[in-house]
Amino acid sequence: MPTPPLTRGLDVLLQATQADALSAVRSDPLLSSSLWINVALAGLSILLFVYMGRNVTSERAKLVWGATLMIPLVSISSYLALLSGLTVGFIEMPAGHALAGQEVMSQWGRYLTWTLSTPMILLALGLVADVDTGSLLTVIAADIAMCVTGLAAALTTSSYLFRWAFYAVSCTFFLVVLYALLTEWAASATAAGTDEIFGTLRALTVVLWLGYPIIWAVGVEGLALVGSVGLTSWGYSILDVFAKYVFSFLLLRWVAANEGVVSATRGALGGTAPGDD
């Protein structure tokens, strides 16, 4: 059956956009290197984490390990998509923006990565802290909403005001996540006896996650105080390295050495402690 003209037109447009994006990424060494470093580190992390989890046997420890392994798996797929131009586009900034009327590269695939990977970070943290299922799901929902509204802020071209409105909503959801990590989840970790590792991972997560909205605000998507897409991309990539791979390594190393403590917790997802009926 012949392809309808409209479909053919859309296919050509999509391919042209991807080809242009691929060419733009390849022609910017600063940008491409910020992506390739994460592909390399994500690949190494996957191999290392599989090895580290080889002796994990308890159901709950396996769940923590599985959630943590998903972080570099999502990342390597996402960064390959960015490098190929699949999840990169060009948008014209609206009136009022510092780059109004100019076409700016949007790495919208990063938001897809964060939507899929940050819930895994929170799931692993919640399991370690032994939080209840309701709190865990609420915080993960707020996190996903944060990422989705962040994507809306990045892609809105009709109004500069609405870009910042979506940004403000995204930051509000972020505050919900921060509040849980700093209060309720911290108390749960203390009760579960996992407060030491939770405190380390929480500090790492809070400090690094605060960097993302800051980079958005000063980068090309926000105030354009930093006008280089490559520098902005490096900022995000450096945060990803520590917020994902370093975080995951510290967590899995602790789980491997404290599997008994992990398996004894019973909060989120209905786990039970030994001896409970």
Protein backbone atom coordinates (compact mmCIF):
# COMPACT_ATOMS: atom_id res chain seq x y z
CA MET A 1 0.00 0.00 0.00
CA PRO A 2 1.46 3.42 -0.94
CA THR A 3 2.41 5.68 1.95
CA PRO A 4 0.02 8.67 2.28
CA PRO A 5 1.64 12.03 1.36
CA LEU A 6 1.12 13.42 4.88
CA THR A 7 2.84 10.42 6.46
CA ARG A 8 5.70 10.68 3.98
CA GLY A 9 6.07 14.36 4.83
CA LEU A 10 6.19 13.66 8.55
CA ASP A 11 8.74 10.89 8.05
CA VAL A 12 10.99 13.18 6.01
CA LEU A 13 10.67 15.95 8.60
CA LEU A 14 11.50 13.58 11.46
CA GLN A 15 14.52 12.18 9.68
CA ALA A 16 15.73 15.66 8.72
CA THR A 17 15.38 16.82 12.31
CA GLN A 18 17.32 13.83 13.61
CA ALA A 19 19.99 14.30 10.96
CA ASP A 20 20.36 17.97 11.84
CA ALA A 21 20.53 17.15 15.55
CA LEU A 22 23.14 14.43 14.97
CA SER A 23 25.23 16.84 12.91
CA ALA A 24 24.95 19.54 15.57
CA VAL A 25 26.02 17.15 18.34
CA ARG A 26 28.95 15.82 16.33
CA SER A 27 30.15 19.33 15.43
CA ASP A 28 30.29 20.44 19.08
CA PRO A 29 33.13 18.59 20.87
CA LEU A 30 32.12 20.06 24.24
CA LEU A 31 28.56 18.81 23.85
CA SER A 32 29.38 15.38 22.43
CA SER A 33 32.06 14.69 25.06
CA SER A 34 29.55 15.46 27.83
CA LEU A 35 27.32 12.72 26.43
CA TRP A 36 29.97 10.12 25.64
CA ILE A 37 31.44 10.29 29.15
CA ASN A 38 28.10 9.19 30.55
CA VAL A 39 27.73 6.37 28.04
CA ALA A 40 31.14 5.06 29.08
CA LEU A 41 30.52 5.41 32.82
CA ALA A 42 27.02 3.97 32.60
CA GLY A 43 28.38 0.93 30.75
CA LEU A 44 31.12 0.38 33.30
CA SER A 45 28.63 0.87 36.14
CA ILE A 46 26.30 -1.79 34.74
CA LEU A 47 29.11 -4.35 34.65
CA LEU A 48 30.35 -3.38 38.11
CA PHE A 49 26.89 -3.43 39.69
CA VAL A 50 26.07 -6.84 38.21
CA TYR A 51 29.29 -8.13 39.75
CA MET A 52 28.59 -6.47 43.10
CA GLY A 53 25.15 -8.03 43.29
CA ARG A 54 26.22 -11.55 42.43
CA ASN A 55 25.92 -12.80 46.03
CA VAL A 56 22.75 -10.93 47.03
CA THR A 57 20.14 -13.51 48.05
CA SER A 58 17.37 -11.93 50.15
CA GLU A 59 14.24 -10.75 48.38
CA ARG A 60 14.36 -7.19 49.70
CA ALA A 61 18.08 -6.75 49.01
CA LYS A 62 17.48 -8.01 45.47
CA LEU A 63 14.75 -5.40 45.06
CA VAL A 64 17.13 -2.62 46.14
CA TRP A 65 19.80 -3.99 43.83
CA GLY A 66 17.38 -4.27 40.90
CA ALA A 67 16.12 -0.70 41.33
CA THR A 68 19.69 0.55 41.55
CA LEU A 69 20.80 -1.37 38.46
CA MET A 70 18.02 0.28 36.47
CA ILE A 71 19.66 3.69 36.99
CA PRO A 72 22.67 3.15 34.68
CA LEU A 73 20.57 0.99 32.33
CA VAL A 74 18.20 3.89 31.74
CA SER A 75 21.09 6.34 31.50
CA ILE A 76 23.06 4.50 28.84
CA SER A 77 19.94 4.19 26.69
CA SER A 78 19.11 7.84 27.14
CA TYR A 79 22.57 9.15 26.38
CA LEU A 80 22.78 7.04 23.23
CA ALA A 81 19.44 8.55 22.17
CA LEU A 82 20.86 12.04 22.73
CA LEU A 83 24.02 11.23 20.77
CA SER A 84 22.00 9.85 17.85
CA GLY A 85 19.78 12.92 17.68
CA LEU A 86 16.69 10.87 18.50
CA THR A 87 15.79 12.87 21.60
CA VAL A 88 17.28 16.23 20.57
CA GLY A 89 15.34 19.02 18.90
CA PHE A 90 15.49 22.69 18.04
CA ILE A 91 13.04 25.20 19.46
CA GLU A 92 12.57 28.91 18.85
CA MET A 93 12.68 30.89 22.06
CA PRO A 94 9.68 33.14 22.75
CA ALA A 95 9.62 36.89 23.14
CA GLY A 96 11.11 37.98 26.45
CA HIS A 97 13.77 35.28 26.49
CA ALA A 98 17.39 36.42 26.23
CA LEU A 99 17.64 34.43 22.97
CA ALA A 100 14.19 35.40 21.67
CA GLY A 101 13.65 34.42 18.05
CA GLN A 102 16.70 32.18 17.95
CA GLU A 103 16.63 28.41 17.48
CA VAL A 104 18.14 26.68 20.48
CA MET A 105 19.00 23.01 20.84
CA SER A 106 16.77 21.24 23.36
CA GLN A 107 18.04 18.00 24.87
CA TRP A 108 14.53 17.00 25.85
CA GLY A 109 15.64 13.38 26.20
CA ARG A 110 17.31 14.26 29.49
CA TYR A 111 13.89 14.82 31.03
CA LEU A 112 12.82 11.39 29.81
CA THR A 113 15.90 9.95 31.54
CA TRP A 114 15.13 11.71 34.80
CA THR A 115 11.48 10.64 34.65
CA LEU A 116 12.55 6.99 34.49
CA SER A 117 15.74 6.98 36.59
CA THR A 118 15.01 9.29 39.53
CA PRO A 119 12.04 7.17 40.70
CA MET A 120 14.49 4.25 40.90
CA ILE A 121 16.78 6.35 43.08
CA LEU A 122 13.88 7.20 45.38
CA LEU A 123 12.66 3.59 45.40
CA ALA A 124 16.09 2.39 46.53
CA LEU A 125 16.30 5.12 49.17
CA GLY A 126 12.79 4.38 50.40
CA LEU A 127 13.53 0.69 50.75
CA VAL A 128 16.71 1.39 52.68
CA ALA A 129 14.89 3.87 54.94
CA ASP A 130 12.04 1.36 55.40
CA VAL A 131 9.34 3.95 54.64
CA ASP A 132 5.70 2.91 54.28
CA THR A 133 4.29 2.20 50.84
CA GLY A 134 1.98 5.22 50.80
CA SER A 135 4.82 7.65 51.45
CA LEU A 136 7.03 5.95 48.90
CA LEU A 137 4.41 6.13 46.14
CA THR A 138 3.51 9.73 46.97
CA VAL A 139 7.10 10.91 46.79
CA ILE A 140 7.75 9.00 43.55
CA ALA A 141 4.59 10.55 42.05
CA ALA A 142 5.80 14.02 43.04
CA ASP A 143 9.18 13.25 41.50
CA ILE A 144 7.65 12.16 38.18
CA ALA A 145 5.46 15.28 38.17
CA MET A 146 8.59 17.35 38.80
CA CYS A 147 10.29 15.87 35.73
CA VAL A 148 7.25 16.16 33.47
CA THR A 149 6.60 19.80 34.35
CA GLY A 150 10.31 20.47 33.91
CA LEU A 151 10.00 19.08 30.39
CA ALA A 152 7.02 21.36 29.80
CA ALA A 153 9.10 24.34 30.93
CA ALA A 154 11.88 23.39 28.51
CA LEU A 155 9.59 22.89 25.49
CA THR A 156 7.08 25.74 25.91
CA THR A 157 7.69 28.25 23.11
CA SER A 158 4.38 30.13 23.09
CA SER A 159 5.13 32.26 26.15
CA TYR A 160 8.18 33.12 28.21
CA LEU A 161 5.93 33.54 31.25
CA PHE A 162 4.53 30.03 30.90
CA ARG A 163 8.05 28.59 30.68
CA TRP A 164 8.76 30.01 34.13
CA ALA A 165 5.31 29.04 35.39
CA PHE A 166 6.03 25.39 34.58
CA TYR A 167 9.48 25.80 36.15
CA ALA A 168 7.87 27.08 39.37
CA VAL A 169 5.44 24.16 39.45
CA SER A 170 8.30 21.72 38.90
CA CYS A 171 10.24 23.27 41.78
CA THR A 172 7.15 22.97 43.99
CA PHE A 173 7.01 19.23 43.35
CA PHE A 174 10.74 19.13 44.10
CA LEU A 175 10.08 20.69 47.49
CA VAL A 176 7.71 17.82 48.28
CA VAL A 177 10.50 15.35 47.55
CA LEU A 178 13.00 17.31 49.62
CA TYR A 179 10.62 17.57 52.56
CA ALA A 180 10.12 13.80 52.63
CA LEU A 181 13.84 13.07 52.40
CA LEU A 182 14.75 15.52 55.14
CA THR A 183 11.98 14.70 57.61
CA GLU A 184 9.74 11.64 57.37
CA TRP A 185 12.17 9.37 55.54
CA ALA A 186 15.03 10.36 57.83
CA ALA A 187 12.95 9.39 60.87
CA SER A 188 12.07 6.05 59.28
CA ALA A 189 15.73 5.32 58.56
CA THR A 190 16.62 6.02 62.18
CA ALA A 191 13.94 3.61 63.37
CA ALA A 192 15.16 0.97 60.92
CA GLY A 193 18.80 1.34 61.95
CA THR A 194 19.89 2.43 58.47
CA ASP A 195 20.29 6.12 59.25
CA GLU A 196 24.04 6.20 58.64
CA ILE A 197 23.94 5.08 55.00
CA PHE A 198 20.64 6.86 54.42
CA GLY A 199 22.13 10.10 55.75
CA THR A 200 25.08 9.83 53.36
CA LEU A 201 22.91 9.05 50.34
CA ARG A 202 20.33 11.67 51.29
CA ALA A 203 22.99 14.39 51.54
CA LEU A 204 24.43 13.36 48.19
CA THR A 205 20.99 13.34 46.58
CA VAL A 206 19.75 16.62 48.03
CA VAL A 207 22.90 18.61 47.23
CA LEU A 208 23.21 17.26 43.69
CA TRP A 209 19.51 17.46 42.82
CA LEU A 210 19.50 21.13 43.83
CA GLY A 211 22.00 21.67 41.03
CA TYR A 212 19.57 20.71 38.24
CA PRO A 213 17.08 23.60 38.62
CA ILE A 214 20.01 25.98 39.11
CA ILE A 215 21.61 24.90 35.83
CA TRP A 216 18.22 25.19 34.10
CA ALA A 217 17.75 28.72 35.41
CA VAL A 218 21.18 30.02 34.37
CA GLY A 219 21.51 27.93 31.18
CA VAL A 220 20.13 28.42 27.68
CA GLU A 221 16.68 27.18 28.68
CA GLY A 222 16.26 29.78 31.40
CA LEU A 223 18.01 33.15 31.72
CA ALA A 224 20.78 32.18 29.26
CA LEU A 225 23.48 33.58 31.55
CA VAL A 226 25.45 30.59 30.27
CA GLY A 227 24.84 30.67 26.53
CA SER A 228 26.69 27.49 25.61
CA VAL A 229 24.64 24.33 25.14
CA GLY A 230 27.83 22.33 25.61
CA LEU A 231 28.60 23.90 28.99
CA THR A 232 25.01 23.41 30.12
CA SER A 233 25.18 19.79 29.01
CA TRP A 234 28.42 19.25 30.93
CA GLY A 235 26.79 20.68 34.03
CA TYR A 236 23.95 18.18 33.79
CA SER A 237 26.34 15.34 32.95
CA ILE A 238 28.59 15.97 35.95
CA LEU A 239 25.57 15.99 38.23
CA ASP A 240 24.38 12.73 36.65
CA VAL A 241 27.74 11.06 37.27
CA PHE A 242 27.59 11.67 41.00
CA ALA A 243 23.81 11.52 41.50
CA LYS A 244 23.53 8.21 39.65
CA TYR A 245 26.73 6.18 39.44
CA VAL A 246 28.49 7.29 42.63
CA PHE A 247 25.19 7.12 44.51
CA SER A 248 24.52 3.61 43.18
CA PHE A 249 28.01 2.37 44.00
CA LEU A 250 27.82 3.58 47.60
CA LEU A 251 24.39 2.03 48.05
CA LEU A 252 25.22 -1.36 46.54
CA ARG A 253 28.46 -1.60 48.47
CA TRP A 254 26.51 -1.05 51.68
CA VAL A 255 23.76 -3.50 50.72
CA ALA A 256 26.31 -6.21 49.93
CA ALA A 257 27.90 -5.75 53.37
CA ASN A 258 24.62 -5.34 55.30
CA GLU A 259 22.17 -7.66 53.59
CA GLY A 260 20.84 -8.85 56.93
CA VAL A 261 19.86 -5.32 57.92
CA VAL A 262 18.09 -4.78 54.58
CA SER A 263 16.17 -8.05 54.73
CA ALA A 264 15.00 -7.31 58.29
CA THR A 265 13.17 -4.11 57.29
CA ARG A 266 9.47 -4.33 56.52
CA GLY A 267 8.05 -0.95 55.48
CA ALA A 268 7.57 -0.25 51.78
CA LEU A 269 6.09 -2.84 49.42
CA GLY A 270 4.98 -5.15 52.21
CA GLY A 271 8.27 -6.75 53.24
CA THR A 272 8.28 -8.63 56.55
CA ALA A 273 10.87 -8.98 59.22
CA PRO A 274 12.11 -12.43 60.22
CA GLY A 275 9.80 -14.06 62.72
CA ASP A 276 6.75 -11.93 61.85
CA ASP A 277 3.49 -13.73 61.12
